[in-house]
Amino acid sequence: MAELELPKLGDVVRSKNGRFKGEFFVVVGIEDDFAFLVNGKQRKMDSPKKKKIKHLEMGIGNSSHISEKLANGLKVTNNEVRITINSVEGD
C-alpha cells in the first residue's frame, strides 16, 4: 500500500469526499490518520472538521503566516483562514 502524503499545519487542501466535497480548507491540526480542517465559514476555528487524510487533495497551497501562528500557539482568526482560502481559489 502506498504511503500517504501527510499535510502540514497551514496547508490548503480540498475535500475529495463527503458533504464538503470540492471545498477548500486549511489544516489546523493532525492526529494519526486524521486532519482537523477549517474554512472560516461553516467550519470555524472553534469547531474544526475531523477528516481522514486519504480523503484530502494536497499540494494546493500553504499559508506560512497561519502555520507559524499555529506552531507558536497563537490565535488564528476565521478571517485569516478565509483570506488564505480566497487567495488560493482566485488562482
Protein backbone atom coordinates (compact mmCIF):
# COMPACT_ATOMS: atom_id res chain seq x y z
CA MET A 1 0.00 0.00 0.00
CA ALA A 2 1.32 3.44 -0.92
CA GLU A 3 2.43 5.82 1.79
CA LEU A 4 0.00 8.70 2.31
CA GLU A 5 1.32 12.21 1.86
CA LEU A 6 0.83 13.95 5.20
CA PRO A 7 -0.41 17.53 5.31
CA LYS A 8 1.35 20.18 7.36
CA LEU A 9 -0.17 22.85 9.56
CA GLY A 10 -1.30 25.76 7.41
CA ASP A 11 -1.68 23.66 4.24
CA VAL A 12 -4.63 24.45 2.00
CA VAL A 13 -6.38 21.22 0.99
CA ARG A 14 -9.52 20.23 -0.92
CA SER A 15 -12.05 17.65 0.27
CA LYS A 16 -12.37 14.72 -2.15
CA ASN A 17 -15.34 13.03 -0.45
CA GLY A 18 -18.34 13.73 1.72
CA ARG A 19 -20.62 16.65 2.32
CA PHE A 20 -17.86 19.20 1.74
CA LYS A 21 -16.57 17.57 -1.50
CA GLY A 22 -14.66 20.08 -3.63
CA GLU A 23 -14.36 22.71 -0.89
CA PHE A 24 -11.08 24.22 0.30
CA PHE A 25 -9.92 24.04 3.91
CA VAL A 26 -6.85 24.97 5.96
CA VAL A 27 -5.22 22.27 8.13
CA VAL A 28 -5.06 23.38 11.76
CA GLY A 29 -4.27 20.04 13.39
CA ILE A 30 -3.13 16.50 12.62
CA GLU A 31 -3.76 13.36 14.67
CA ASP A 32 -2.99 9.84 13.42
CA ASP A 33 -4.82 9.40 10.07
CA PHE A 34 -6.97 12.49 10.57
CA ALA A 35 -6.59 16.19 9.81
CA PHE A 36 -8.56 18.96 11.53
CA LEU A 37 -9.83 21.42 8.95
CA VAL A 38 -11.38 24.89 8.98
CA ASN A 39 -12.70 27.16 6.25
CA GLY A 40 -13.67 30.17 8.38
CA LYS A 41 -17.37 29.86 7.41
CA GLN A 42 -19.19 26.60 8.16
CA ARG A 43 -16.16 25.16 9.95
CA LYS A 44 -14.64 27.78 12.21
CA MET A 45 -11.56 27.68 14.43
CA ASP A 46 -13.63 26.73 17.47
CA SER A 47 -15.11 23.62 15.75
CA PRO A 48 -12.77 22.17 13.12
CA LYS A 49 -13.84 19.30 10.84
CA LYS A 50 -12.11 15.98 11.56
CA LYS A 51 -11.46 14.27 8.21
CA LYS A 52 -9.40 11.27 7.12
CA ILE A 53 -6.22 12.33 5.36
CA LYS A 54 -6.87 9.90 2.49
CA HIS A 55 -9.97 11.96 1.62
CA LEU A 56 -7.94 15.14 1.04
CA GLU A 57 -6.30 16.55 -2.08
CA MET A 58 -2.99 18.06 -1.08
CA GLY A 59 -0.43 20.33 -2.74
CA ILE A 60 -2.83 23.22 -3.34
CA GLY A 61 -1.02 25.76 -1.18
CA ASN A 62 0.32 26.68 2.22
CA SER A 63 -0.01 29.71 4.45
CA SER A 64 3.29 30.30 6.21
CA HIS A 65 1.58 33.00 8.28
CA ILE A 66 -1.01 30.55 9.66
CA SER A 67 1.48 27.70 10.10
CA GLU A 68 3.83 29.95 12.11
CA LYS A 69 0.98 31.15 14.33
CA LEU A 70 -0.21 27.58 14.96
CA ALA A 71 3.34 26.38 15.70
CA ASN A 72 3.79 29.21 18.23
CA GLY A 73 0.42 28.64 19.90
CA LEU A 74 -1.00 31.97 18.73
CA LYS A 75 -4.65 32.52 17.82
CA VAL A 76 -5.63 32.21 14.17
CA THR A 77 -8.80 34.07 13.23
CA ASN A 78 -11.54 32.85 10.90
CA ASN A 79 -10.91 35.94 8.77
CA GLU A 80 -7.26 34.92 8.24
CA VAL A 81 -8.44 31.47 7.14
CA ARG A 82 -10.97 32.94 4.68
CA ILE A 83 -8.35 35.30 3.22
CA THR A 84 -5.95 32.36 2.71
CA ILE A 85 -8.60 30.22 1.01
CA ASN A 86 -9.79 33.11 -1.17
CA SER A 87 -6.24 33.75 -2.37
CA VAL A 88 -5.94 30.10 -3.46
CA GLU A 89 -9.41 29.96 -5.05
CA GLY A 90 -8.58 33.04 -7.10
CA ASP A 91 -5.57 31.36 -8.76
